[in-house]
Every structure is written in C-alpha cells, then in structure tokens.
C-alpha cells in the first residue's frame, strides 16, 4: 500500500514538473523533492528519468483514451465518432496533456519510442472508431489500413497544433481543426 502511494506521488509530482519545466528542465532530484521522498525511492519505482516520463505519458494516454471513449455515447457510429473527435480536441487543449504528449514526448523518449506509445494508445482507439464507421457502411473498407493511418496522422497534426498554440489561440484553432477534420471525414465517406 505504501509502495503504491509512493509511486502515485512520484507520478503526480513528475507530471506537474514535466509539464511546467519540461523534460529536460526537470531532474529526478526535483521529482523526489516534490513528492517528498528520497531519490532512492524514485529509483525503486523507475529505472531512470526516461522510464518515469514514459510512465507519466502512459498514464496521460490511458486517461485520455477513457475520456474519449466515455464521450462517444451516441448509438450511431458517425455521431459517436464526432463526439470522440470533440473530446480529443478538447483534451489536446489541456495544457498538461498537450505539452506532455505532443511536445515533451518525442524529446523525452525519442521519436521511435514515442511513436510506439502513440501506436499502443491512440492508434488502436482510432482504428476502433474507423472500423465501427466501416462496419456501419459510413466508410469504404477497401483501404482500411490506409484509412486508419490517414485518420491517425490527421489527428496527430491537430494534437500538435493545439498543444503548441498560445492559450488564447486554442479555442479558434480547436474550431478550425474540428471543421477540417469533419470535412476530411465526409470526404472519406462511402459513396
């Protein structure tokens, strides 16, 4: 129980510090001090700073996945996909999530490892929504894999744009990306 509480405290402290100071601007000593534990406690739970960041990113993605799925309540797959899209865009406007996933992730983990984690979380989620749209006849199944990849990378572009935007620009950019992504979805619709 104590070990789980320590791990949770470390993740909370690291999340706040990585989002505020960046991956490169945060040391394990900073995390230990913020969590009120020893540096040895950090190493008991994580092999190093990169492993700690990966755990933070994994936690961010799991929460985002759950929020997006929970938002997609419509019985109609098209409407559910639009609800999921809105939830995703909203999540990307969150300063903590946006910075950790889209800005710090590639720096902290390197491009290839970051992509692996995005594949683990977001890719499967996108594939599920695209598959449901295909099953319902909204999208043509002839290029299923390419359609999933296309949607995945479009959403990634939106996520990065929103994460990098100034706070004052995020509402406008969220609307614009929402419009563009909806147009793209309509363009992919089965004829």
N, C-alpha and C. Protein backbone atom coordinates (compact mmCIF):
# COMPACT_ATOMS: atom_id res chain seq x y z
N UNK A 1 0.82 -1.19 0.00
CA UNK A 1 0.00 0.00 0.00
C UNK A 1 0.87 1.26 0.00
N UNK A 2 1.89 1.29 0.89
CA UNK A 2 2.79 2.43 0.95
C UNK A 2 3.54 2.59 -0.37
N UNK A 3 3.96 1.47 -0.95
CA UNK A 3 4.70 1.49 -2.20
C UNK A 3 3.84 2.07 -3.32
N UNK A 4 2.56 1.70 -3.36
CA UNK A 4 1.65 2.24 -4.37
C UNK A 4 1.43 3.73 -4.19
N UNK A 5 1.32 4.15 -2.94
CA UNK A 5 1.15 5.57 -2.65
C UNK A 5 2.39 6.37 -3.05
N UNK A 6 3.55 5.80 -2.83
CA UNK A 6 4.80 6.47 -3.22
C UNK A 6 4.87 6.59 -4.73
N UNK A 7 4.55 5.51 -5.42
CA UNK A 7 4.57 5.54 -6.89
C UNK A 7 3.59 6.57 -7.41
N UNK A 8 2.39 6.64 -6.85
CA UNK A 8 1.39 7.62 -7.28
C UNK A 8 1.88 9.04 -7.02
N UNK A 9 2.50 9.26 -5.87
CA UNK A 9 3.04 10.60 -5.56
C UNK A 9 4.14 10.99 -6.54
N UNK A 10 4.99 10.03 -6.89
CA UNK A 10 6.04 10.31 -7.86
C UNK A 10 5.46 10.65 -9.23
N UNK A 11 4.46 9.91 -9.65
CA UNK A 11 3.82 10.20 -10.94
C UNK A 11 3.16 11.57 -10.94
N UNK A 12 2.47 11.89 -9.86
CA UNK A 12 1.82 13.21 -9.77
C UNK A 12 2.85 14.33 -9.81
N UNK A 13 3.91 14.20 -9.03
CA UNK A 13 4.94 15.23 -8.98
C UNK A 13 5.64 15.35 -10.34
N UNK A 14 5.97 14.22 -10.94
CA UNK A 14 6.65 14.25 -12.24
C UNK A 14 5.76 14.85 -13.31
N UNK A 15 4.48 14.51 -13.29
CA UNK A 15 3.55 15.07 -14.27
C UNK A 15 3.55 16.59 -14.20
N UNK A 16 3.40 17.12 -13.01
CA UNK A 16 3.36 18.57 -12.84
C UNK A 16 4.68 19.22 -13.26
N UNK A 17 5.79 18.63 -12.84
CA UNK A 17 7.09 19.22 -13.15
C UNK A 17 7.44 19.12 -14.63
N UNK A 18 7.21 17.98 -15.25
CA UNK A 18 7.49 17.84 -16.68
C UNK A 18 6.63 18.81 -17.50
N UNK A 19 5.38 18.99 -17.10
CA UNK A 19 4.50 19.90 -17.83
C UNK A 19 4.92 21.36 -17.61
N UNK A 20 5.36 21.68 -16.42
CA UNK A 20 5.73 23.06 -16.11
C UNK A 20 7.13 23.42 -16.59
N UNK A 21 8.10 22.55 -16.32
CA UNK A 21 9.51 22.87 -16.57
C UNK A 21 10.09 22.21 -17.81
N UNK A 22 9.43 21.21 -18.34
CA UNK A 22 9.87 20.39 -19.48
C UNK A 22 10.61 19.15 -18.97
N UNK A 23 10.78 18.23 -19.86
CA UNK A 23 11.53 17.02 -19.54
C UNK A 23 12.98 17.36 -19.23
N UNK A 24 13.58 18.14 -20.11
CA UNK A 24 15.00 18.48 -19.93
C UNK A 24 15.22 19.37 -18.72
N UNK A 25 14.23 20.17 -18.35
CA UNK A 25 14.36 21.08 -17.22
C UNK A 25 13.99 20.50 -15.88
N UNK A 26 13.72 19.21 -15.84
CA UNK A 26 13.33 18.54 -14.59
C UNK A 26 14.32 17.44 -14.27
N UNK A 27 14.80 17.44 -13.05
CA UNK A 27 15.71 16.38 -12.61
C UNK A 27 14.97 15.40 -11.71
N UNK A 28 15.55 14.23 -11.54
CA UNK A 28 14.96 13.26 -10.61
C UNK A 28 14.98 13.79 -9.18
N UNK A 29 15.97 14.61 -8.85
CA UNK A 29 16.01 15.24 -7.53
C UNK A 29 14.81 16.16 -7.35
N UNK A 30 14.45 16.90 -8.42
CA UNK A 30 13.27 17.77 -8.37
C UNK A 30 12.01 16.96 -8.09
N UNK A 31 11.89 15.83 -8.77
CA UNK A 31 10.71 14.98 -8.61
C UNK A 31 10.67 14.40 -7.20
N UNK A 32 11.80 13.92 -6.72
CA UNK A 32 11.86 13.35 -5.37
C UNK A 32 11.48 14.40 -4.34
N UNK A 33 12.00 15.59 -4.47
CA UNK A 33 11.69 16.67 -3.52
C UNK A 33 10.20 17.03 -3.56
N UNK A 34 9.64 17.14 -4.76
CA UNK A 34 8.22 17.49 -4.89
C UNK A 34 7.31 16.39 -4.33
N UNK A 35 7.75 15.14 -4.46
CA UNK A 35 6.96 14.01 -3.95
C UNK A 35 7.26 13.74 -2.48
N UNK A 36 8.27 14.44 -1.94
CA UNK A 36 8.69 14.28 -0.55
C UNK A 36 9.16 12.86 -0.25
N UNK A 37 10.00 12.37 -1.17
CA UNK A 37 10.62 11.06 -0.99
C UNK A 37 12.10 11.20 -1.32
N UNK A 38 12.84 10.15 -1.07
CA UNK A 38 14.26 10.16 -1.40
C UNK A 38 14.47 9.83 -2.87
N UNK A 39 15.64 10.16 -3.35
CA UNK A 39 15.98 9.81 -4.73
C UNK A 39 15.99 8.29 -4.89
N UNK A 40 16.38 7.59 -3.83
CA UNK A 40 16.36 6.13 -3.85
C UNK A 40 14.97 5.58 -4.08
N UNK A 41 13.96 6.26 -3.53
CA UNK A 41 12.57 5.84 -3.74
C UNK A 41 12.18 5.97 -5.21
N UNK A 42 12.71 7.01 -5.86
CA UNK A 42 12.45 7.18 -7.29
C UNK A 42 13.01 5.98 -8.04
N UNK A 43 14.25 5.63 -7.74
CA UNK A 43 14.89 4.50 -8.43
C UNK A 43 14.29 3.15 -8.05
N UNK A 44 13.66 3.08 -6.90
CA UNK A 44 12.96 1.85 -6.53
C UNK A 44 11.80 1.58 -7.50
N UNK A 45 11.17 2.65 -7.96
CA UNK A 45 9.99 2.51 -8.82
C UNK A 45 10.30 2.66 -10.31
N UNK A 46 11.34 3.42 -10.64
CA UNK A 46 11.64 3.71 -12.04
C UNK A 46 13.13 3.61 -12.29
N UNK A 47 13.50 3.04 -13.43
CA UNK A 47 14.91 2.83 -13.75
C UNK A 47 15.66 4.13 -13.97
N UNK A 48 14.95 5.18 -14.28
CA UNK A 48 15.58 6.47 -14.53
C UNK A 48 14.54 7.48 -14.97
N UNK A 49 15.01 8.65 -15.37
CA UNK A 49 14.11 9.73 -15.74
C UNK A 49 13.26 9.38 -16.96
N UNK A 50 13.85 8.74 -17.94
CA UNK A 50 13.08 8.37 -19.12
C UNK A 50 11.98 7.37 -18.77
N UNK A 51 12.28 6.41 -17.93
CA UNK A 51 11.25 5.44 -17.51
C UNK A 51 10.13 6.13 -16.73
N UNK A 52 10.50 7.10 -15.91
CA UNK A 52 9.49 7.87 -15.18
C UNK A 52 8.62 8.65 -16.14
N UNK A 53 9.25 9.31 -17.12
CA UNK A 53 8.46 10.06 -18.09
C UNK A 53 7.54 9.14 -18.88
N UNK A 54 8.04 7.98 -19.26
CA UNK A 54 7.22 7.03 -20.01
C UNK A 54 5.99 6.62 -19.19
N UNK A 55 6.16 6.42 -17.91
CA UNK A 55 5.03 6.09 -17.04
C UNK A 55 4.04 7.25 -16.96
N UNK A 56 4.55 8.47 -16.90
CA UNK A 56 3.69 9.66 -16.91
C UNK A 56 2.91 9.72 -18.21
N UNK A 57 3.59 9.54 -19.32
CA UNK A 57 2.93 9.60 -20.62
C UNK A 57 1.89 8.49 -20.76
N UNK A 58 2.23 7.31 -20.30
CA UNK A 58 1.29 6.19 -20.36
C UNK A 58 0.02 6.53 -19.56
N UNK A 59 0.20 7.11 -18.38
CA UNK A 59 -0.93 7.50 -17.55
C UNK A 59 -1.78 8.56 -18.25
N UNK A 60 -1.14 9.54 -18.88
CA UNK A 60 -1.87 10.58 -19.61
C UNK A 60 -2.69 9.97 -20.74
N UNK A 61 -2.09 9.05 -21.47
CA UNK A 61 -2.78 8.43 -22.60
C UNK A 61 -3.94 7.54 -22.15
N UNK A 62 -3.75 6.80 -21.07
CA UNK A 62 -4.84 5.96 -20.57
C UNK A 62 -6.03 6.81 -20.14
N UNK A 63 -5.76 7.92 -19.48
CA UNK A 63 -6.84 8.82 -19.06
C UNK A 63 -7.53 9.43 -20.26
N UNK A 64 -6.75 9.86 -21.24
CA UNK A 64 -7.33 10.46 -22.45
C UNK A 64 -8.19 9.44 -23.18
N UNK A 65 -7.67 8.22 -23.34
CA UNK A 65 -8.45 7.17 -24.01
C UNK A 65 -9.79 6.97 -23.32
N UNK A 66 -9.77 6.90 -22.00
CA UNK A 66 -11.00 6.68 -21.24
C UNK A 66 -11.98 7.85 -21.42
N UNK A 67 -11.47 9.07 -21.40
CA UNK A 67 -12.34 10.24 -21.57
C UNK A 67 -12.95 10.28 -22.97
N UNK A 68 -12.14 9.94 -23.96
CA UNK A 68 -12.63 9.97 -25.34
C UNK A 68 -13.69 8.91 -25.56
N UNK A 69 -13.45 7.71 -25.08
CA UNK A 69 -14.42 6.62 -25.21
C UNK A 69 -15.70 6.97 -24.45
N UNK A 70 -15.56 7.53 -23.27
CA UNK A 70 -16.73 7.90 -22.46
C UNK A 70 -17.55 8.99 -23.13
N UNK A 71 -16.92 9.84 -23.91
CA UNK A 71 -17.63 10.93 -24.58
C UNK A 71 -18.45 10.44 -25.78
N UNK A 72 -18.05 9.32 -26.34
CA UNK A 72 -18.69 8.79 -27.55
C UNK A 72 -19.91 7.96 -27.17
N UNK A 73 -20.97 8.62 -26.74
CA UNK A 73 -22.14 7.92 -26.21
C UNK A 73 -23.25 7.69 -27.25
N UNK A 74 -23.16 8.32 -28.40
CA UNK A 74 -24.22 8.18 -29.40
C UNK A 74 -24.29 6.74 -29.90
N UNK A 75 -25.50 6.29 -30.17
CA UNK A 75 -25.69 4.94 -30.69
C UNK A 75 -25.21 4.85 -32.14
N UNK A 76 -25.35 5.93 -32.88
CA UNK A 76 -24.93 5.97 -34.28
C UNK A 76 -23.41 6.13 -34.34
N UNK A 77 -22.70 5.25 -35.05
CA UNK A 77 -21.24 5.32 -35.10
C UNK A 77 -20.69 6.66 -35.62
N UNK A 78 -21.39 7.28 -36.57
CA UNK A 78 -20.94 8.56 -37.09
C UNK A 78 -20.98 9.63 -36.00
N UNK A 79 -22.09 9.69 -35.30
CA UNK A 79 -22.23 10.67 -34.21
C UNK A 79 -21.26 10.35 -33.07
N UNK A 80 -21.07 9.09 -32.77
CA UNK A 80 -20.12 8.70 -31.73
C UNK A 80 -18.70 9.13 -32.12
N UNK A 81 -18.34 8.97 -33.38
CA UNK A 81 -17.01 9.39 -33.85
C UNK A 81 -16.85 10.90 -33.73
N UNK A 82 -17.90 11.65 -34.03
CA UNK A 82 -17.84 13.11 -33.88
C UNK A 82 -17.71 13.51 -32.42
N UNK A 83 -18.41 12.82 -31.55
CA UNK A 83 -18.28 13.08 -30.11
C UNK A 83 -16.86 12.77 -29.62
N UNK A 84 -16.31 11.68 -30.10
CA UNK A 84 -14.94 11.31 -29.74
C UNK A 84 -13.95 12.36 -30.27
N UNK A 85 -14.19 12.84 -31.48
CA UNK A 85 -13.34 13.87 -32.07
C UNK A 85 -13.35 15.12 -31.20
N UNK A 86 -14.54 15.55 -30.80
CA UNK A 86 -14.64 16.74 -29.94
C UNK A 86 -13.92 16.55 -28.61
N UNK A 87 -14.05 15.36 -28.04
CA UNK A 87 -13.37 15.08 -26.77
C UNK A 87 -11.85 15.08 -26.97
N UNK A 88 -11.39 14.53 -28.07
CA UNK A 88 -9.96 14.51 -28.36
C UNK A 88 -9.43 15.93 -28.51
N UNK A 89 -10.12 16.75 -29.29
CA UNK A 89 -9.66 18.13 -29.49
C UNK A 89 -9.64 18.89 -28.17
N UNK A 90 -10.64 18.66 -27.35
CA UNK A 90 -10.67 19.29 -26.04
C UNK A 90 -9.51 18.85 -25.18
N UNK A 91 -9.20 17.57 -25.21
CA UNK A 91 -8.09 17.04 -24.42
C UNK A 91 -6.77 17.65 -24.88
N UNK A 92 -6.61 17.82 -26.18
CA UNK A 92 -5.37 18.39 -26.70
C UNK A 92 -5.20 19.86 -26.32
N UNK A 93 -6.29 20.53 -25.96
CA UNK A 93 -6.22 21.91 -25.49
C UNK A 93 -5.81 21.99 -24.03
N UNK A 94 -5.87 20.87 -23.31
CA UNK A 94 -5.44 20.84 -21.93
C UNK A 94 -3.93 21.05 -21.89
N UNK A 95 -3.46 22.10 -21.19
CA UNK A 95 -2.02 22.40 -21.22
C UNK A 95 -1.12 21.26 -20.75
N UNK A 96 -1.54 20.53 -19.75
CA UNK A 96 -0.71 19.45 -19.24
C UNK A 96 -0.63 18.30 -20.24
N UNK A 97 -1.78 17.82 -20.68
CA UNK A 97 -1.81 16.72 -21.64
C UNK A 97 -1.11 17.11 -22.94
N UNK A 98 -1.47 18.27 -23.47
CA UNK A 98 -0.89 18.70 -24.74
C UNK A 98 0.62 18.78 -24.70
N UNK A 99 1.13 19.40 -23.66
CA UNK A 99 2.58 19.55 -23.58
C UNK A 99 3.27 18.21 -23.39
N UNK A 100 2.74 17.39 -22.48
CA UNK A 100 3.40 16.12 -22.19
C UNK A 100 3.38 15.17 -23.38
N UNK A 101 2.23 15.04 -24.01
CA UNK A 101 2.08 14.06 -25.09
C UNK A 101 2.70 14.54 -26.39
N UNK A 102 2.40 15.76 -26.78
CA UNK A 102 2.77 16.21 -28.12
C UNK A 102 4.10 16.96 -28.19
N UNK A 103 4.50 17.63 -27.13
CA UNK A 103 5.72 18.42 -27.17
C UNK A 103 6.87 17.69 -26.48
N UNK A 104 6.66 17.29 -25.24
CA UNK A 104 7.74 16.66 -24.48
C UNK A 104 7.96 15.20 -24.85
N UNK A 105 6.91 14.50 -25.25
CA UNK A 105 7.01 13.07 -25.55
C UNK A 105 8.12 12.71 -26.53
N UNK A 106 8.15 13.33 -27.71
CA UNK A 106 9.22 12.98 -28.65
C UNK A 106 10.62 13.33 -28.14
N UNK A 107 10.71 14.42 -27.38
CA UNK A 107 12.02 14.82 -26.83
C UNK A 107 12.48 13.84 -25.77
N UNK A 108 11.59 13.50 -24.87
CA UNK A 108 11.95 12.65 -23.73
C UNK A 108 12.23 11.21 -24.15
N UNK A 109 11.44 10.71 -25.05
CA UNK A 109 11.53 9.28 -25.38
C UNK A 109 12.23 8.99 -26.70
N UNK A 110 12.46 10.01 -27.48
CA UNK A 110 12.96 9.80 -28.83
C UNK A 110 11.78 9.49 -29.74
N UNK A 111 11.94 9.84 -31.00
CA UNK A 111 10.85 9.73 -31.97
C UNK A 111 10.28 8.32 -32.05
N UNK A 112 11.12 7.31 -32.14
CA UNK A 112 10.64 5.95 -32.35
C UNK A 112 9.89 5.40 -31.14
N UNK A 113 10.41 5.61 -29.95
CA UNK A 113 9.72 5.11 -28.75
C UNK A 113 8.41 5.86 -28.54
N UNK A 114 8.42 7.18 -28.77
CA UNK A 114 7.20 7.97 -28.65
C UNK A 114 6.14 7.45 -29.62
N UNK A 115 6.54 7.17 -30.85
CA UNK A 115 5.59 6.64 -31.84
C UNK A 115 5.04 5.28 -31.40
N UNK A 116 5.89 4.45 -30.80
CA UNK A 116 5.42 3.16 -30.30
C UNK A 116 4.31 3.35 -29.26
N UNK A 117 4.51 4.30 -28.37
CA UNK A 117 3.48 4.55 -27.35
C UNK A 117 2.21 5.12 -27.97
N UNK A 118 2.35 6.00 -28.95
CA UNK A 118 1.17 6.52 -29.64
C UNK A 118 0.43 5.39 -30.37
N UNK A 119 1.20 4.48 -30.94
CA UNK A 119 0.58 3.32 -31.60
C UNK A 119 -0.17 2.48 -30.57
N UNK A 120 0.42 2.31 -29.40
CA UNK A 120 -0.18 1.50 -28.34
C UNK A 120 -1.52 2.09 -27.89
N UNK A 121 -1.60 3.37 -27.79
CA UNK A 121 -2.80 4.01 -27.26
C UNK A 121 -3.70 4.56 -28.36
N UNK A 122 -3.28 5.62 -28.97
CA UNK A 122 -4.15 6.36 -29.89
C UNK A 122 -4.47 5.57 -31.16
N UNK A 123 -3.52 4.85 -31.68
CA UNK A 123 -3.75 4.14 -32.94
C UNK A 123 -4.89 3.13 -32.79
N UNK A 124 -4.88 2.37 -31.72
CA UNK A 124 -5.94 1.39 -31.50
C UNK A 124 -7.30 2.05 -31.33
N UNK A 125 -7.31 3.18 -30.67
CA UNK A 125 -8.56 3.91 -30.49
C UNK A 125 -9.10 4.40 -31.83
N UNK A 126 -8.23 4.98 -32.64
CA UNK A 126 -8.63 5.45 -33.97
C UNK A 126 -9.10 4.28 -34.82
N UNK A 127 -8.35 3.18 -34.77
CA UNK A 127 -8.73 2.00 -35.56
C UNK A 127 -10.12 1.50 -35.15
N UNK A 128 -10.42 1.56 -33.87
CA UNK A 128 -11.74 1.13 -33.40
C UNK A 128 -12.86 2.00 -33.96
N UNK A 129 -12.67 3.30 -33.93
CA UNK A 129 -13.70 4.20 -34.47
C UNK A 129 -13.83 4.07 -35.98
N UNK A 130 -12.70 3.97 -36.68
CA UNK A 130 -12.76 3.80 -38.14
C UNK A 130 -13.42 2.47 -38.49
N UNK A 131 -13.07 1.41 -37.77
CA UNK A 131 -13.70 0.12 -38.01
C UNK A 131 -15.20 0.15 -37.80
N UNK A 132 -15.65 0.84 -36.75
CA UNK A 132 -17.09 0.95 -36.50
C UNK A 132 -17.78 1.72 -37.62
N UNK A 133 -17.12 2.75 -38.13
CA UNK A 133 -17.68 3.51 -39.26
C UNK A 133 -17.74 2.65 -40.51
N UNK A 134 -16.76 1.80 -40.71
CA UNK A 134 -16.77 0.89 -41.86
C UNK A 134 -17.85 -0.17 -41.69
N UNK A 135 -17.95 -0.73 -40.49
CA UNK A 135 -18.98 -1.74 -40.23
C UNK A 135 -20.38 -1.20 -40.47
N UNK A 136 -20.58 0.07 -40.17
CA UNK A 136 -21.91 0.70 -40.33
C UNK A 136 -22.13 1.21 -41.76
N UNK A 137 -21.11 1.08 -42.62
CA UNK A 137 -21.25 1.50 -44.01
C UNK A 137 -20.95 2.97 -44.26
N UNK A 138 -20.47 3.67 -43.26
CA UNK A 138 -20.16 5.08 -43.44
C UNK A 138 -18.86 5.29 -44.21
N UNK A 139 -17.90 4.39 -44.03
CA UNK A 139 -16.63 4.48 -44.72
C UNK A 139 -16.40 3.22 -45.54
N UNK A 140 -15.73 3.39 -46.68
CA UNK A 140 -15.39 2.28 -47.56
C UNK A 140 -14.27 1.46 -46.93
N UNK A 141 -14.41 0.16 -46.95
CA UNK A 141 -13.45 -0.74 -46.33
C UNK A 141 -12.27 -1.08 -47.25
N UNK A 142 -12.30 -0.63 -48.51
CA UNK A 142 -11.29 -1.08 -49.47
C UNK A 142 -9.86 -0.68 -49.09
N UNK A 143 -9.68 0.40 -48.36
CA UNK A 143 -8.33 0.83 -47.96
C UNK A 143 -8.29 1.00 -46.44
N UNK A 144 -8.70 -0.03 -45.73
CA UNK A 144 -8.88 0.07 -44.28
C UNK A 144 -7.61 0.51 -43.55
N UNK A 145 -6.52 -0.17 -43.79
CA UNK A 145 -5.29 0.18 -43.07
C UNK A 145 -4.85 1.61 -43.38
N UNK A 146 -4.90 1.99 -44.65
CA UNK A 146 -4.50 3.35 -45.02
C UNK A 146 -5.47 4.39 -44.46
N UNK A 147 -6.73 4.07 -44.39
CA UNK A 147 -7.71 4.99 -43.82
C UNK A 147 -7.43 5.21 -42.33
N UNK A 148 -7.13 4.15 -41.62
CA UNK A 148 -6.80 4.28 -40.20
C UNK A 148 -5.55 5.14 -40.04
N UNK A 149 -4.52 4.86 -40.81
CA UNK A 149 -3.28 5.65 -40.71
C UNK A 149 -3.52 7.11 -41.08
N UNK A 150 -4.30 7.34 -42.10
CA UNK A 150 -4.63 8.71 -42.52
C UNK A 150 -5.32 9.46 -41.38
N UNK A 151 -6.31 8.84 -40.79
CA UNK A 151 -7.04 9.47 -39.68
C UNK A 151 -6.12 9.69 -38.49
N UNK A 152 -5.29 8.71 -38.19
CA UNK A 152 -4.36 8.79 -37.07
C UNK A 152 -3.42 9.98 -37.23
N UNK A 153 -2.84 10.14 -38.41
CA UNK A 153 -1.88 11.23 -38.62
C UNK A 153 -2.58 12.58 -38.72
N UNK A 154 -3.79 12.63 -39.24
CA UNK A 154 -4.54 13.90 -39.23
C UNK A 154 -4.80 14.33 -37.79
N UNK A 155 -5.24 13.40 -36.97
CA UNK A 155 -5.49 13.71 -35.56
C UNK A 155 -4.21 14.12 -34.84
N UNK A 156 -3.11 13.48 -35.19
CA UNK A 156 -1.83 13.86 -34.62
C UNK A 156 -1.43 15.28 -34.99
N UNK A 157 -1.70 15.67 -36.22
CA UNK A 157 -1.43 17.04 -36.64
C UNK A 157 -2.25 18.03 -35.84
N UNK A 158 -3.50 17.70 -35.61
CA UNK A 158 -4.37 18.56 -34.80
C UNK A 158 -3.86 18.63 -33.37
N UNK A 159 -3.49 17.49 -32.81
CA UNK A 159 -2.99 17.46 -31.44
C UNK A 159 -1.76 18.32 -31.25
N UNK A 160 -0.82 18.23 -32.17
CA UNK A 160 0.40 19.02 -32.08
C UNK A 160 0.10 20.51 -32.25
N UNK A 161 -0.74 20.84 -33.21
CA UNK A 161 -1.09 22.25 -33.43
C UNK A 161 -1.73 22.86 -32.19
N UNK A 162 -2.63 22.13 -31.56
CA UNK A 162 -3.29 22.64 -30.36
C UNK A 162 -2.34 22.71 -29.18
N UNK A 163 -1.46 21.74 -29.05
CA UNK A 163 -0.51 21.73 -27.94
C UNK A 163 0.48 22.89 -28.04
N UNK A 164 0.88 23.23 -29.24
CA UNK A 164 1.86 24.29 -29.43
C UNK A 164 1.26 25.68 -29.45
N UNK A 165 -0.05 25.79 -29.55
CA UNK A 165 -0.71 27.09 -29.67
C UNK A 165 -0.71 27.86 -28.35
N UNK A 166 -0.69 29.16 -28.46
CA UNK A 166 -0.88 30.01 -27.29
C UNK A 166 -2.28 29.76 -26.73
N UNK A 167 -2.42 29.89 -25.43
CA UNK A 167 -3.71 29.61 -24.78
C UNK A 167 -4.85 30.40 -25.42
N UNK A 168 -4.60 31.65 -25.77
CA UNK A 168 -5.64 32.48 -26.36
C UNK A 168 -6.07 32.03 -27.74
N UNK A 169 -5.19 31.33 -28.46
CA UNK A 169 -5.50 30.85 -29.81
C UNK A 169 -6.18 29.48 -29.83
N UNK A 170 -6.13 28.77 -28.72
CA UNK A 170 -6.63 27.40 -28.71
C UNK A 170 -8.11 27.28 -29.07
N UNK A 171 -9.00 28.14 -28.56
CA UNK A 171 -10.41 27.99 -28.96
C UNK A 171 -10.62 28.13 -30.47
N UNK A 172 -9.95 29.11 -31.08
CA UNK A 172 -10.08 29.29 -32.53
C UNK A 172 -9.52 28.09 -33.28
N UNK A 173 -8.33 27.66 -32.90
CA UNK A 173 -7.72 26.52 -33.57
C UNK A 173 -8.51 25.24 -33.36
N UNK A 174 -9.08 25.07 -32.20
CA UNK A 174 -9.91 23.89 -31.95
C UNK A 174 -11.11 23.88 -32.91
N UNK A 175 -11.75 25.03 -33.08
CA UNK A 175 -12.88 25.11 -34.03
C UNK A 175 -12.41 24.80 -35.44
N UNK A 176 -11.31 25.43 -35.85
CA UNK A 176 -10.81 25.23 -37.22
C UNK A 176 -10.43 23.77 -37.47
N UNK A 177 -9.71 23.16 -36.55
CA UNK A 177 -9.35 21.75 -36.73
C UNK A 177 -10.60 20.87 -36.72
N UNK A 178 -11.57 21.21 -35.90
CA UNK A 178 -12.82 20.45 -35.89
C UNK A 178 -13.51 20.49 -37.24
N UNK A 179 -13.54 21.66 -37.84
CA UNK A 179 -14.15 21.81 -39.17
C UNK A 179 -13.37 21.02 -40.21
N UNK A 180 -12.04 21.16 -40.19
CA UNK A 180 -11.21 20.46 -41.17
C UNK A 180 -11.32 18.94 -41.03
N UNK A 181 -11.31 18.45 -39.82
CA UNK A 181 -11.39 17.00 -39.61
C UNK A 181 -12.76 16.47 -40.00
N UNK A 182 -13.81 17.22 -39.75
CA UNK A 182 -15.14 16.80 -40.18
C UNK A 182 -15.23 16.76 -41.71
N UNK A 183 -14.65 17.76 -42.36
CA UNK A 183 -14.62 17.76 -43.83
C UNK A 183 -13.88 16.53 -44.35
N UNK A 184 -12.75 16.24 -43.73
CA UNK A 184 -11.98 15.06 -44.16
C UNK A 184 -12.79 13.78 -43.96
N UNK A 185 -13.50 13.69 -42.84
CA UNK A 185 -14.34 12.50 -42.59
C UNK A 185 -15.41 12.38 -43.67
N UNK A 186 -16.05 13.50 -44.00
CA UNK A 186 -17.10 13.46 -45.04
C UNK A 186 -16.49 13.07 -46.38
N UNK A 187 -15.26 13.52 -46.63
CA UNK A 187 -14.59 13.18 -47.88
C UNK A 187 -14.24 11.69 -47.98
N UNK A 188 -14.08 11.05 -46.84
CA UNK A 188 -13.79 9.61 -46.82
C UNK A 188 -15.05 8.75 -46.86
N UNK A 189 -16.19 9.40 -46.72
CA UNK A 189 -17.47 8.65 -46.63
C UNK A 189 -17.67 7.80 -47.87
N UNK A 190 -18.24 6.62 -47.66
CA UNK A 190 -18.57 5.71 -48.75
C UNK A 190 -19.62 6.36 -49.63
N UNK A 191 -19.47 6.23 -50.90
CA UNK A 191 -20.42 6.86 -51.87
C UNK A 191 -21.46 5.87 -52.29
